[in-house]
Amino acid sequence: MTEVGQELPDWTLDEVDAERMKVLALLLADPNPLHFDPAVAPRLGIAERPVAQGPATMAMLANLVRAAFPQGRLTRLHVRLRGSVVAGQSVRAGGRVVERGPHGPGAEKVRCELSLEAGGRTVLQGEAEVVLPV
Protein backbone atom coordinates (compact mmCIF):
# COMPACT_ATOMS: atom_id res chain seq x y z
CA MET A 1 0.00 0.00 0.00
CA THR A 2 1.18 3.51 -0.76
CA GLU A 3 1.82 5.57 2.34
CA VAL A 4 1.96 9.35 2.73
CA GLY A 5 5.61 10.39 2.84
CA GLN A 6 6.78 7.41 0.78
CA GLU A 7 9.44 8.26 -1.80
CA LEU A 8 8.80 7.07 -5.33
CA PRO A 9 11.56 5.04 -6.99
CA ASP A 10 13.65 7.34 -9.17
CA TRP A 11 13.16 7.25 -12.92
CA THR A 12 16.32 8.02 -14.88
CA LEU A 13 17.40 8.52 -18.47
CA ASP A 14 21.14 8.24 -19.06
CA GLU A 15 21.16 10.58 -22.04
CA VAL A 16 18.62 12.74 -23.83
CA ASP A 17 19.08 11.73 -27.47
CA ALA A 18 19.35 14.64 -29.95
CA GLU A 19 18.19 12.43 -32.85
CA ARG A 20 15.01 11.49 -30.99
CA MET A 21 14.43 15.17 -30.26
CA LYS A 22 14.47 15.80 -34.02
CA VAL A 23 11.88 13.07 -34.56
CA LEU A 24 9.71 14.49 -31.78
CA ALA A 25 9.92 17.96 -33.36
CA LEU A 26 8.51 16.42 -36.56
CA LEU A 27 5.77 14.53 -34.70
CA LEU A 28 4.77 17.67 -32.80
CA ALA A 29 4.96 19.78 -35.98
CA ASP A 30 7.31 22.03 -34.01
CA PRO A 31 9.42 24.04 -36.48
CA ASN A 32 11.48 25.77 -33.77
CA PRO A 33 15.16 25.04 -34.63
CA LEU A 34 16.01 25.41 -30.94
CA HIS A 35 15.00 21.74 -30.63
CA PHE A 36 17.03 20.28 -33.51
CA ASP A 37 19.66 22.66 -34.87
CA PRO A 38 22.88 22.43 -32.79
CA ALA A 39 23.87 26.01 -33.70
CA VAL A 40 20.69 27.80 -32.53
CA ALA A 41 20.70 27.41 -28.73
CA PRO A 42 24.34 28.56 -28.33
CA ARG A 43 23.78 31.46 -30.71
CA LEU A 44 20.78 32.58 -28.61
CA GLY A 45 22.73 32.11 -25.37
CA ILE A 46 20.13 29.64 -24.07
CA ALA A 47 22.16 26.43 -23.87
CA GLU A 48 25.15 24.73 -25.44
CA ARG A 49 23.05 22.12 -27.30
CA PRO A 50 19.48 21.72 -28.60
CA VAL A 51 16.78 22.10 -25.94
CA ALA A 52 14.23 19.33 -25.36
CA GLN A 53 10.59 20.14 -26.06
CA GLY A 54 8.34 20.89 -23.10
CA PRO A 55 6.03 17.93 -23.77
CA ALA A 56 9.07 15.62 -23.73
CA THR A 57 10.22 16.85 -20.34
CA MET A 58 6.70 16.55 -18.95
CA ALA A 59 6.57 12.99 -20.31
CA MET A 60 9.61 12.16 -18.19
CA LEU A 61 7.57 12.91 -15.07
CA ALA A 62 4.69 10.87 -16.48
CA ASN A 63 7.15 7.99 -16.96
CA LEU A 64 8.08 8.24 -13.28
CA VAL A 65 4.43 8.02 -12.25
CA ARG A 66 3.67 5.13 -14.61
CA ALA A 67 6.68 3.19 -13.31
CA ALA A 68 5.73 3.82 -9.68
CA PHE A 69 2.03 2.97 -10.20
CA PRO A 70 1.80 0.53 -13.12
CA GLN A 71 -1.84 -0.33 -12.31
CA GLY A 72 -2.79 3.32 -11.83
CA ARG A 73 -4.39 5.87 -14.10
CA LEU A 74 -2.69 9.26 -14.24
CA THR A 75 -5.56 11.76 -13.97
CA ARG A 76 -3.68 15.01 -13.41
CA LEU A 77 -0.17 16.29 -14.08
CA HIS A 78 0.62 19.92 -13.24
CA VAL A 79 4.19 21.20 -13.65
CA ARG A 80 6.21 24.40 -13.40
CA LEU A 81 9.13 24.85 -15.76
CA ARG A 82 12.25 26.02 -13.91
CA GLY A 83 14.93 25.29 -16.49
CA SER A 84 15.76 23.39 -19.66
CA VAL A 85 16.81 19.88 -20.52
CA VAL A 86 19.35 19.79 -23.33
CA ALA A 87 20.54 17.06 -25.65
CA GLY A 88 23.17 14.82 -24.10
CA GLN A 89 22.16 15.41 -20.48
CA SER A 90 21.12 12.70 -18.08
CA VAL A 91 17.91 13.25 -16.15
CA ARG A 92 16.48 11.98 -12.90
CA ALA A 93 12.84 12.18 -11.89
CA GLY A 94 11.78 11.69 -8.31
CA GLY A 95 8.85 12.31 -6.04
CA ARG A 96 6.95 11.42 -2.93
CA VAL A 97 3.39 10.67 -1.91
CA VAL A 98 1.79 13.64 -0.15
CA GLU A 99 -1.83 12.56 0.08
CA ARG A 100 -4.00 9.51 -0.42
CA GLY A 101 -7.63 8.74 0.06
CA PRO A 102 -10.69 7.01 -1.30
CA HIS A 103 -11.88 7.74 -4.82
CA GLY A 104 -15.23 6.11 -5.32
CA PRO A 105 -15.93 2.41 -4.90
CA GLY A 106 -12.89 0.20 -5.37
CA ALA A 107 -10.43 3.00 -6.01
CA GLU A 108 -7.95 5.22 -4.23
CA LYS A 109 -6.51 8.57 -5.28
CA VAL A 110 -2.84 9.29 -4.60
CA ARG A 111 -1.30 12.76 -4.94
CA CYS A 112 2.46 13.05 -5.40
CA GLU A 113 4.94 15.90 -5.53
CA LEU A 114 7.40 15.46 -8.40
CA SER A 115 10.63 16.94 -9.67
CA LEU A 116 12.94 16.47 -12.63
CA GLU A 117 16.66 17.20 -12.42
CA ALA A 118 19.04 17.71 -15.33
CA GLY A 119 22.54 19.11 -15.32
CA GLY A 120 22.54 19.29 -11.51
CA ARG A 121 19.48 21.57 -11.46
CA THR A 122 15.79 21.11 -10.87
CA VAL A 123 14.17 21.86 -14.23
CA LEU A 124 10.56 20.82 -13.51
CA GLN A 125 8.52 20.71 -10.33
CA GLY A 126 4.94 19.70 -10.01
CA GLU A 127 2.39 17.24 -8.81
CA ALA A 128 0.40 14.34 -10.12
CA GLU A 129 -2.78 12.57 -9.14
CA VAL A 130 -3.15 8.87 -9.80
CA VAL A 131 -6.24 6.70 -9.33
CA LEU A 132 -5.45 3.17 -8.20
CA PRO A 133 -7.65 0.10 -7.92
CA VAL A 134 -7.95 -1.12 -4.34
C-alpha atoms as a PDB file:
ATOM      1  CA  MET A   1       0.000   0.000   0.000  1.00  0.00           C
ATOM      2  CA  THR A   2       1.177   3.510  -0.761  1.00  0.00           C
ATOM      3  CA  GLU A   3       1.817   5.574   2.341  1.00  0.00           C
ATOM      4  CA  VAL A   4       1.964   9.348   2.726  1.00  0.00           C
ATOM      5  CA  GLY A   5       5.613  10.388   2.836  1.00  0.00           C
ATOM      6  CA  GLN A   6       6.778   7.409   0.777  1.00  0.00           C
ATOM      7  CA  GLU A   7       9.440   8.264  -1.802  1.00  0.00           C
ATOM      8  CA  LEU A   8       8.799   7.066  -5.328  1.00  0.00           C
ATOM      9  CA  PRO A   9      11.561   5.043  -6.987  1.00  0.00           C
ATOM     10  CA  ASP A  10      13.655   7.335  -9.171  1.00  0.00           C
ATOM     11  CA  TRP A  11      13.163   7.251 -12.919  1.00  0.00           C
ATOM     12  CA  THR A  12      16.316   8.016 -14.884  1.00  0.00           C
ATOM     13  CA  LEU A  13      17.403   8.525 -18.466  1.00  0.00           C
ATOM     14  CA  ASP A  14      21.142   8.242 -19.059  1.00  0.00           C
ATOM     15  CA  GLU A  15      21.165  10.576 -22.042  1.00  0.00           C
ATOM     16  CA  VAL A  16      18.620  12.737 -23.832  1.00  0.00           C
ATOM     17  CA  ASP A  17      19.078  11.734 -27.471  1.00  0.00           C
ATOM     18  CA  ALA A  18      19.347  14.636 -29.953  1.00  0.00           C
ATOM     19  CA  GLU A  19      18.189  12.427 -32.849  1.00  0.00           C
ATOM     20  CA  ARG A  20      15.010  11.486 -30.987  1.00  0.00           C
ATOM     21  CA  MET A  21      14.434  15.170 -30.260  1.00  0.00           C
ATOM     22  CA  LYS A  22      14.470  15.798 -34.022  1.00  0.00           C
ATOM     23  CA  VAL A  23      11.881  13.070 -34.558  1.00  0.00           C
ATOM     24  CA  LEU A  24       9.707  14.489 -31.783  1.00  0.00           C
ATOM     25  CA  ALA A  25       9.916  17.955 -33.355  1.00  0.00           C
ATOM     26  CA  LEU A  26       8.514  16.417 -36.562  1.00  0.00           C
ATOM     27  CA  LEU A  27       5.773  14.534 -34.698  1.00  0.00           C
ATOM     28  CA  LEU A  28       4.766  17.669 -32.800  1.00  0.00           C
ATOM     29  CA  ALA A  29       4.960  19.779 -35.976  1.00  0.00           C
ATOM     30  CA  ASP A  30       7.311  22.029 -34.014  1.00  0.00           C
ATOM     31  CA  PRO A  31       9.418  24.036 -36.482  1.00  0.00           C
ATOM     32  CA  ASN A  32      11.484  25.772 -33.774  1.00  0.00           C
ATOM     33  CA  PRO A  33      15.157  25.044 -34.631  1.00  0.00           C
ATOM     34  CA  LEU A  34      16.006  25.407 -30.937  1.00  0.00           C
ATOM     35  CA  HIS A  35      15.001  21.745 -30.632  1.00  0.00           C
ATOM     36  CA  PHE A  36      17.033  20.282 -33.514  1.00  0.00           C
ATOM     37  CA  ASP A  37      19.663  22.665 -34.869  1.00  0.00           C
ATOM     38  CA  PRO A  38      22.880  22.430 -32.787  1.00  0.00           C
ATOM     39  CA  ALA A  39      23.868  26.013 -33.700  1.00  0.00           C
ATOM     40  CA  VAL A  40      20.694  27.796 -32.534  1.00  0.00           C
ATOM     41  CA  ALA A  41      20.704  27.410 -28.725  1.00  0.00           C
ATOM     42  CA  PRO A  42      24.336  28.555 -28.328  1.00  0.00           C
ATOM     43  CA  ARG A  43      23.778  31.460 -30.705  1.00  0.00           C
ATOM     44  CA  LEU A  44      20.784  32.584 -28.611  1.00  0.00           C
ATOM     45  CA  GLY A  45      22.726  32.113 -25.371  1.00  0.00           C
ATOM     46  CA  ILE A  46      20.132  29.639 -24.067  1.00  0.00           C
ATOM     47  CA  ALA A  47      22.162  26.431 -23.875  1.00  0.00           C
ATOM     48  CA  GLU A  48      25.155  24.729 -25.445  1.00  0.00           C
ATOM     49  CA  ARG A  49      23.050  22.116 -27.298  1.00  0.00           C
ATOM     50  CA  PRO A  50      19.479  21.724 -28.599  1.00  0.00           C
ATOM     51  CA  VAL A  51      16.782  22.100 -25.942  1.00  0.00           C
ATOM     52  CA  ALA A  52      14.230  19.332 -25.358  1.00  0.00           C
ATOM     53  CA  GLN A  53      10.587  20.135 -26.063  1.00  0.00           C
ATOM     54  CA  GLY A  54       8.338  20.894 -23.096  1.00  0.00           C
ATOM     55  CA  PRO A  55       6.027  17.931 -23.767  1.00  0.00           C
ATOM     56  CA  ALA A  56       9.066  15.622 -23.732  1.00  0.00           C
ATOM     57  CA  THR A  57      10.225  16.846 -20.337  1.00  0.00           C
ATOM     58  CA  MET A  58       6.696  16.547 -18.947  1.00  0.00           C
ATOM     59  CA  ALA A  59       6.565  12.995 -20.308  1.00  0.00           C
ATOM     60  CA  MET A  60       9.615  12.158 -18.192  1.00  0.00           C
ATOM     61  CA  LEU A  61       7.570  12.908 -15.072  1.00  0.00           C
ATOM     62  CA  ALA A  62       4.691  10.873 -16.483  1.00  0.00           C
ATOM     63  CA  ASN A  63       7.154   7.986 -16.962  1.00  0.00           C
ATOM     64  CA  LEU A  64       8.075   8.241 -13.275  1.00  0.00           C
ATOM     65  CA  VAL A  65       4.425   8.018 -12.250  1.00  0.00           C
ATOM     66  CA  ARG A  66       3.666   5.126 -14.608  1.00  0.00           C
ATOM     67  CA  ALA A  67       6.684   3.191 -13.311  1.00  0.00           C
ATOM     68  CA  ALA A  68       5.729   3.819  -9.679  1.00  0.00           C
ATOM     69  CA  PHE A  69       2.032   2.973 -10.196  1.00  0.00           C
ATOM     70  CA  PRO A  70       1.798   0.531 -13.124  1.00  0.00           C
ATOM     71  CA  GLN A  71      -1.839  -0.325 -12.312  1.00  0.00           C
ATOM     72  CA  GLY A  72      -2.785   3.322 -11.835  1.00  0.00           C
ATOM     73  CA  ARG A  73      -4.393   5.873 -14.102  1.00  0.00           C
ATOM     74  CA  LEU A  74      -2.693   9.256 -14.244  1.00  0.00           C
ATOM     75  CA  THR A  75      -5.557  11.757 -13.974  1.00  0.00           C
ATOM     76  CA  ARG A  76      -3.680  15.014 -13.406  1.00  0.00           C
ATOM     77  CA  LEU A  77      -0.174  16.294 -14.076  1.00  0.00           C
ATOM     78  CA  HIS A  78       0.621  19.918 -13.241  1.00  0.00           C
ATOM     79  CA  VAL A  79       4.185  21.199 -13.646  1.00  0.00           C
ATOM     80  CA  ARG A  80       6.208  24.397 -13.398  1.00  0.00           C
ATOM     81  CA  LEU A  81       9.127  24.852 -15.757  1.00  0.00           C
ATOM     82  CA  ARG A  82      12.251  26.025 -13.906  1.00  0.00           C
ATOM     83  CA  GLY A  83      14.930  25.287 -16.487  1.00  0.00           C
ATOM     84  CA  SER A  84      15.757  23.395 -19.657  1.00  0.00           C
ATOM     85  CA  VAL A  85      16.805  19.880 -20.516  1.00  0.00           C
ATOM     86  CA  VAL A  86      19.354  19.793 -23.328  1.00  0.00           C
ATOM     87  CA  ALA A  87      20.543  17.059 -25.654  1.00  0.00           C
ATOM     88  CA  GLY A  88      23.171  14.816 -24.104  1.00  0.00           C
ATOM     89  CA  GLN A  89      22.158  15.406 -20.483  1.00  0.00           C
ATOM     90  CA  SER A  90      21.124  12.702 -18.079  1.00  0.00           C
ATOM     91  CA  VAL A  91      17.909  13.253 -16.146  1.00  0.00           C
ATOM     92  CA  ARG A  92      16.483  11.982 -12.896  1.00  0.00           C
ATOM     93  CA  ALA A  93      12.842  12.183 -11.890  1.00  0.00           C
ATOM     94  CA  GLY A  94      11.776  11.686  -8.309  1.00  0.00           C
ATOM     95  CA  GLY A  95       8.853  12.310  -6.038  1.00  0.00           C
ATOM     96  CA  ARG A  96       6.950  11.424  -2.928  1.00  0.00           C
ATOM     97  CA  VAL A  97       3.389  10.670  -1.913  1.00  0.00           C
ATOM     98  CA  VAL A  98       1.794  13.641  -0.152  1.00  0.00           C
ATOM     99  CA  GLU A  99      -1.830  12.562   0.076  1.00  0.00           C
ATOM    100  CA  ARG A 100      -4.005   9.515  -0.422  1.00  0.00           C
ATOM    101  CA  GLY A 101      -7.629   8.735   0.056  1.00  0.00           C
ATOM    102  CA  PRO A 102     -10.692   7.010  -1.302  1.00  0.00           C
ATOM    103  CA  HIS A 103     -11.882   7.742  -4.824  1.00  0.00           C
ATOM    104  CA  GLY A 104     -15.229   6.110  -5.325  1.00  0.00           C
ATOM    105  CA  PRO A 105     -15.930   2.406  -4.903  1.00  0.00           C
ATOM    106  CA  GLY A 106     -12.894   0.198  -5.373  1.00  0.00           C
ATOM    107  CA  ALA A 107     -10.428   2.995  -6.014  1.00  0.00           C
ATOM    108  CA  GLU A 108      -7.954   5.219  -4.229  1.00  0.00           C
ATOM    109  CA  LYS A 109      -6.505   8.570  -5.282  1.00  0.00           C
ATOM    110  CA  VAL A 110      -2.841   9.289  -4.600  1.00  0.00           C
ATOM    111  CA  ARG A 111      -1.304  12.758  -4.942  1.00  0.00           C
ATOM    112  CA  CYS A 112       2.461  13.055  -5.399  1.00  0.00           C
ATOM    113  CA  GLU A 113       4.944  15.903  -5.530  1.00  0.00           C
ATOM    114  CA  LEU A 114       7.401  15.461  -8.405  1.00  0.00           C
ATOM    115  CA  SER A 115      10.631  16.937  -9.673  1.00  0.00           C
ATOM    116  CA  LEU A 116      12.941  16.467 -12.629  1.00  0.00           C
ATOM    117  CA  GLU A 117      16.656  17.199 -12.421  1.00  0.00           C
ATOM    118  CA  ALA A 118      19.041  17.707 -15.328  1.00  0.00           C
ATOM    119  CA  GLY A 119      22.542  19.111 -15.317  1.00  0.00           C
ATOM    120  CA  GLY A 120      22.541  19.291 -11.514  1.00  0.00           C
ATOM    121  CA  ARG A 121      19.482  21.571 -11.458  1.00  0.00           C
ATOM    122  CA  THR A 122      15.787  21.112 -10.873  1.00  0.00           C
ATOM    123  CA  VAL A 123      14.167  21.855 -14.231  1.00  0.00           C
ATOM    124  CA  LEU A 124      10.560  20.820 -13.507  1.00  0.00           C
ATOM    125  CA  GLN A 125       8.520  20.712 -10.332  1.00  0.00           C
ATOM    126  CA  GLY A 126       4.938  19.699 -10.006  1.00  0.00           C
ATOM    127  CA  GLU A 127       2.394  17.243  -8.813  1.00  0.00           C
ATOM    128  CA  ALA A 128       0.400  14.336 -10.125  1.00  0.00           C
ATOM    129  CA  GLU A 129      -2.777  12.569  -9.140  1.00  0.00           C
ATOM    130  CA  VAL A 130      -3.154   8.866  -9.795  1.00  0.00           C
ATOM    131  CA  VAL A 131      -6.243   6.703  -9.330  1.00  0.00           C
ATOM    132  CA  LEU A 132      -5.450   3.165  -8.205  1.00  0.00           C
ATOM    133  CA  PRO A 133      -7.647   0.105  -7.915  1.00  0.00           C
ATOM    134  CA  VAL A 134      -7.952  -1.115  -4.341  1.00  0.00           C
END
